[in-house]
Amino acid sequence: MKSVFPLADTVVLVTRPAHQAQHLCALIEEEGGQAIAFPVLEIQDLQDNSAVMRLVERLDEFDIAIFISANAVVKTMDLVLPHRDWPSHLQTAVVGTRTADALEEYGITVDICPEEKFNSEALLGLPQMCAIKNKKIVIFRGEGGRELLADTLRQRGADIEYAEVYRRSKPADIPGHTALNLADLLLTGKINIIVVTSNEGLRNLWELAGATGQEVLTHMPLAAMSARIAATAQELGVKYPASVAPQANDEGLLAAIKAWRSTQDT
């Protein structure tokens, strides 16, 4: 008899950073799947945050603060709140609901957030982000990343500054795993689908797998956080289109995994 659990007999490799993987792993297991956490990205503090702290002293100058991720929220508040209150006049904008939830945990109301797709393009499409000529906007993010948001807002007449509050790196030591055995794990054939949530994480996964593991990866189903990640996977040689999350959060990733699983049962 067919299992009532949509993900029965499904083993999912979850590559999210360790501190962000637990919720998705729990969702997968509630649906009858087995989740294996194998973080390929690590979120680290900056070695020198003096530039950010100088900006923190000037927060009252800004009209809007944009947070790119929940990580950006946590790292920013760790820097700001021990030194000063969050300015009451400063509007907050986020790219998605998970980031909004993170801000609200600090008692900060979110003023601007997309309602459907959760990415920079969706944020830029909101009316509040169009009439921003002469507005001063600070973007809290990790080191590097896309320039689309800042470039577009500058074209619309805004004055933009970045506050880079963390950095991403490839883990030197993956808890419970090592880079050396990723290829072995893939070669067992037990992994049914892999979750990837950023282009940088995907590239780290590729590097950690080595030549042997990369050959396996080209034939693996992927659940991707965005269409951009799915496109990068194909550039790397993945043979099949990834299942893309309808929303850029854990629930969206779960939906992508279940959508892929349903195609295997027909």
Protein backbone atom coordinates (compact mmCIF):
# COMPACT_ATOMS: atom_id res chain seq x y z
CA MET A 1 0.00 0.00 0.00
CA LYS A 2 1.26 3.48 -0.91
CA SER A 3 2.54 5.51 2.07
CA VAL A 4 0.46 8.45 3.26
CA PHE A 5 3.71 10.40 3.65
CA PRO A 6 4.62 12.26 0.43
CA LEU A 7 8.37 11.91 1.04
CA ALA A 8 8.45 8.29 2.22
CA ASP A 9 11.67 6.57 1.12
CA THR A 10 13.16 9.91 0.05
CA VAL A 11 16.63 10.90 1.25
CA VAL A 12 17.35 14.63 0.96
CA LEU A 13 20.80 16.20 1.25
CA VAL A 14 20.33 19.66 2.83
CA THR A 15 23.26 21.97 2.12
CA ARG A 16 22.07 25.06 4.04
CA PRO A 17 24.39 26.61 6.65
CA ALA A 18 24.29 24.54 9.85
CA HIS A 19 22.36 27.10 11.92
CA GLN A 20 19.66 27.37 9.23
CA ALA A 21 19.16 23.71 8.33
CA GLN A 22 17.19 22.43 11.31
CA HIS A 23 13.76 23.75 10.33
CA LEU A 24 13.91 22.44 6.77
CA CYS A 25 15.19 19.06 7.99
CA ALA A 26 12.25 18.87 10.40
CA LEU A 27 9.76 19.71 7.64
CA ILE A 28 11.22 16.98 5.42
CA GLU A 29 11.02 14.39 8.18
CA GLU A 30 7.42 15.38 9.04
CA GLU A 31 6.57 14.40 5.46
CA GLY A 32 8.21 11.00 5.89
CA GLY A 33 11.58 11.80 4.31
CA GLN A 34 15.09 11.46 5.67
CA ALA A 35 17.14 14.66 5.83
CA ILE A 36 20.94 14.65 5.89
CA ALA A 37 22.44 17.99 6.88
CA PHE A 38 25.65 18.70 4.97
CA PRO A 39 26.34 22.46 5.18
CA VAL A 40 28.45 23.75 2.32
CA LEU A 41 28.37 27.39 3.41
CA GLU A 42 29.38 29.03 6.67
CA ILE A 43 28.28 32.46 7.90
CA GLN A 44 31.12 34.20 9.75
CA ASP A 45 31.65 37.52 11.50
CA LEU A 46 33.79 40.12 9.78
CA GLN A 47 37.39 40.28 10.88
CA ASP A 48 37.13 44.10 10.91
CA ASN A 49 33.75 45.73 11.52
CA SER A 50 35.04 49.27 12.06
CA ALA A 51 33.47 50.55 8.81
CA VAL A 52 30.08 49.13 9.80
CA MET A 53 30.31 50.66 13.26
CA ARG A 54 30.98 54.09 11.77
CA LEU A 55 27.84 53.66 9.69
CA VAL A 56 25.87 52.54 12.76
CA GLU A 57 26.68 55.89 14.35
CA ARG A 58 25.06 57.59 11.32
CA LEU A 59 21.89 55.50 11.11
CA ASP A 60 19.72 58.53 11.82
CA GLU A 61 20.79 59.98 8.44
CA PHE A 62 19.02 57.24 6.46
CA ASP A 63 15.43 57.00 5.29
CA ILE A 64 15.25 53.27 4.49
CA ALA A 65 17.24 50.23 5.63
CA ILE A 66 17.11 47.17 3.38
CA PHE A 67 17.98 43.72 4.74
CA ILE A 68 19.00 41.13 2.18
CA SER A 69 18.68 38.08 4.46
CA ALA A 70 17.86 36.85 7.94
CA ASN A 71 21.62 36.51 8.49
CA ALA A 72 21.96 40.21 7.72
CA VAL A 73 19.33 40.99 10.36
CA VAL A 74 20.99 38.96 13.12
CA LYS A 75 24.51 40.22 12.41
CA THR A 76 23.31 43.82 12.14
CA MET A 77 21.35 43.76 15.37
CA ASP A 78 24.28 42.14 17.18
CA LEU A 79 26.32 45.19 16.18
CA VAL A 80 23.70 47.92 16.58
CA LEU A 81 21.67 47.14 19.69
CA PRO A 82 24.55 46.95 22.23
CA HIS A 83 25.45 50.53 21.24
CA ARG A 84 22.21 52.31 20.39
CA ASP A 85 18.48 51.98 19.75
CA TRP A 86 17.14 51.38 16.26
CA PRO A 87 15.96 54.78 14.88
CA SER A 88 12.16 55.00 15.10
CA HIS A 89 11.85 56.93 11.82
CA LEU A 90 13.96 54.49 9.78
CA GLN A 91 11.78 52.42 7.45
CA THR A 92 12.75 48.79 6.95
CA ALA A 93 12.54 46.79 3.73
CA VAL A 94 13.21 43.08 3.26
CA VAL A 95 13.34 40.66 0.35
CA GLY A 96 11.23 37.95 1.99
CA THR A 97 9.10 36.78 4.89
CA ARG A 98 11.88 34.90 6.66
CA THR A 99 13.91 38.10 6.86
CA ALA A 100 10.79 39.95 8.02
CA ASP A 101 10.28 37.39 10.80
CA ALA A 102 13.89 37.84 11.91
CA LEU A 103 13.42 41.63 12.21
CA GLU A 104 10.17 41.28 14.10
CA GLU A 105 11.91 39.06 16.65
CA TYR A 106 13.84 42.20 17.57
CA GLY A 107 10.62 44.20 17.88
CA ILE A 108 11.18 46.09 14.63
CA THR A 109 8.21 46.54 12.31
CA VAL A 110 8.75 45.69 8.65
CA ASP A 111 7.44 48.43 6.38
CA ILE A 112 8.20 47.06 2.90
CA CYS A 113 8.10 43.40 1.87
CA PRO A 114 7.05 41.57 -1.32
CA GLU A 115 3.89 39.50 -0.96
CA GLU A 116 4.62 36.80 -3.51
CA LYS A 117 8.06 36.23 -5.00
CA PHE A 118 10.80 36.94 -2.49
CA ASN A 119 13.84 38.36 -4.25
CA SER A 120 15.43 41.67 -5.23
CA GLU A 121 13.34 41.92 -8.39
CA ALA A 122 10.10 41.60 -6.42
CA LEU A 123 11.23 44.20 -3.89
CA LEU A 124 12.16 46.61 -6.68
CA GLY A 125 8.70 46.16 -8.18
CA LEU A 126 6.90 47.54 -5.12
CA PRO A 127 5.52 51.11 -5.33
CA GLN A 128 7.45 52.14 -2.20
CA MET A 129 10.73 51.34 -3.94
CA CYS A 130 9.93 53.40 -7.04
CA ALA A 131 9.34 56.87 -5.56
CA ILE A 132 12.71 57.07 -3.80
CA LYS A 133 14.45 60.01 -5.48
CA ASN A 134 16.89 61.71 -3.05
CA LYS A 135 16.19 59.07 -0.37
CA LYS A 136 19.17 57.82 1.62
CA ILE A 137 19.13 54.02 1.73
CA VAL A 138 21.46 51.59 3.51
CA ILE A 139 21.63 47.95 2.38
CA PHE A 140 22.66 45.43 5.03
CA ARG A 141 24.15 42.32 3.46
CA GLY A 142 27.08 39.90 3.44
CA GLU A 143 30.31 40.65 1.63
CA GLY A 144 29.88 40.64 -2.13
CA GLY A 145 26.65 39.59 -3.81
CA ARG A 146 24.42 40.93 -6.55
CA GLU A 147 24.50 44.61 -7.49
CA LEU A 148 21.03 44.69 -9.09
CA LEU A 149 19.27 46.23 -6.09
CA ALA A 150 21.74 49.06 -5.49
CA ASP A 151 22.24 49.79 -9.19
CA THR A 152 18.50 50.03 -9.85
CA LEU A 153 17.82 52.22 -6.82
CA ARG A 154 20.65 54.56 -7.83
CA GLN A 155 19.12 54.82 -11.30
CA ARG A 156 15.88 55.88 -9.59
CA GLY A 157 17.69 58.69 -7.80
CA ALA A 158 18.43 57.20 -4.38
CA ASP A 159 21.68 57.63 -2.45
CA ILE A 160 22.87 54.09 -1.60
CA GLU A 161 25.39 52.82 0.95
CA TYR A 162 26.28 49.21 1.75
CA ALA A 163 26.77 47.84 5.24
CA GLU A 164 28.45 44.45 4.87
CA VAL A 165 27.93 42.70 8.20
CA TYR A 166 29.10 39.11 7.60
CA ARG A 167 31.05 36.98 5.20
CA ARG A 168 30.34 33.62 3.62
CA SER A 169 32.95 30.89 3.40
CA LYS A 170 33.32 27.23 2.55
CA PRO A 171 33.36 25.26 5.82
CA ALA A 172 36.78 23.97 6.76
CA ASP A 173 35.21 21.29 8.95
CA ILE A 174 31.67 20.08 8.23
CA PRO A 175 30.12 18.73 11.46
CA GLY A 176 29.69 14.98 11.14
CA HIS A 177 31.23 14.93 7.67
CA THR A 178 34.38 15.82 5.82
CA ALA A 179 34.93 17.16 2.35
CA LEU A 180 36.71 13.90 1.56
CA ASN A 181 33.63 11.75 2.07
CA LEU A 182 31.12 13.86 0.13
CA ALA A 183 31.96 11.94 -3.03
CA ASP A 184 31.61 8.67 -1.10
CA LEU A 185 28.20 9.78 0.17
CA LEU A 186 27.07 10.61 -3.36
CA LEU A 187 28.44 7.35 -4.74
CA THR A 188 26.32 5.27 -2.34
CA GLY A 189 23.31 6.13 -4.48
CA LYS A 190 21.22 6.71 -1.33
CA ILE A 191 20.74 10.44 -1.89
CA ASN A 192 17.58 11.10 -3.92
CA ILE A 193 17.64 14.90 -4.17
CA ILE A 194 19.88 17.78 -3.03
CA VAL A 195 18.71 21.14 -1.69
CA VAL A 196 20.75 24.17 -2.82
CA THR A 197 19.94 27.65 -1.58
CA SER A 198 22.56 29.92 -3.15
CA ASN A 199 24.90 30.03 -6.10
CA GLU A 200 27.88 30.23 -3.76
CA GLY A 201 26.68 27.17 -1.86
CA LEU A 202 26.20 25.29 -5.14
CA ARG A 203 29.74 26.11 -6.25
CA ASN A 204 31.09 25.03 -2.85
CA LEU A 205 29.17 21.75 -3.17
CA TRP A 206 30.74 21.24 -6.59
CA GLU A 207 34.24 21.93 -5.27
CA LEU A 208 33.81 19.73 -2.20
CA ALA A 209 32.58 16.83 -4.34
CA GLY A 210 35.78 16.65 -6.39
CA ALA A 211 35.96 15.18 -9.87
CA THR A 212 34.36 11.86 -8.89
CA GLY A 213 31.49 13.43 -7.00
CA GLN A 214 30.91 16.04 -9.70
CA GLU A 215 30.16 13.30 -12.20
CA VAL A 216 27.43 12.04 -9.86
CA LEU A 217 26.13 15.58 -9.29
CA THR A 218 25.51 16.09 -12.99
CA HIS A 219 22.84 13.37 -12.79
CA MET A 220 21.34 14.38 -9.42
CA PRO A 221 17.93 16.02 -8.99
CA LEU A 222 18.17 19.39 -7.26
CA ALA A 223 15.66 21.48 -5.31
CA ALA A 224 16.76 25.09 -5.83
CA MET A 225 15.80 28.22 -3.93
CA SER A 226 15.59 30.26 -7.15
CA ALA A 227 15.62 30.07 -10.93
CA ARG A 228 19.06 31.74 -10.88
CA ILE A 229 20.46 28.79 -8.93
CA ALA A 230 18.77 26.35 -11.29
CA ALA A 231 20.43 28.12 -14.23
CA THR A 232 23.84 27.96 -12.54
CA ALA A 233 23.38 24.23 -11.97
CA GLN A 234 22.86 23.70 -15.68
CA GLU A 235 25.94 25.81 -16.43
CA LEU A 236 27.90 23.44 -14.18
CA GLY A 237 26.65 20.46 -16.19
CA VAL A 238 23.58 19.21 -14.32
CA LYS A 239 21.54 17.28 -16.89
CA TYR A 240 18.03 17.89 -15.60
CA PRO A 241 16.19 21.12 -14.71
CA ALA A 242 16.07 21.71 -10.97
CA SER A 243 12.77 21.81 -9.10
CA VAL A 244 12.51 25.51 -8.14
CA ALA A 245 10.93 26.64 -4.86
CA PRO A 246 7.76 28.69 -5.48
CA GLN A 247 8.76 30.82 -2.49
CA ALA A 248 12.28 31.57 -1.24
CA ASN A 249 11.87 29.96 2.18
CA ASP A 250 11.89 26.51 3.80
CA GLU A 251 8.25 25.89 2.95
CA GLY A 252 8.98 26.73 -0.67
CA LEU A 253 11.92 24.32 -0.70
CA LEU A 254 9.72 21.60 0.78
CA ALA A 255 7.16 22.24 -1.96
CA ALA A 256 9.91 21.91 -4.58
CA ILE A 257 11.04 18.59 -3.11
CA LYS A 258 7.47 17.28 -3.03
CA ALA A 259 6.86 18.46 -6.60
CA TRP A 260 9.92 16.50 -7.75
CA ARG A 261 8.83 13.47 -5.70
CA SER A 262 5.40 13.47 -7.32
CA THR A 263 7.01 13.12 -10.76
CA GLN A 264 8.79 9.97 -9.57
CA ASP A 265 5.54 8.31 -8.55
CA THR A 266 3.83 8.53 -11.96
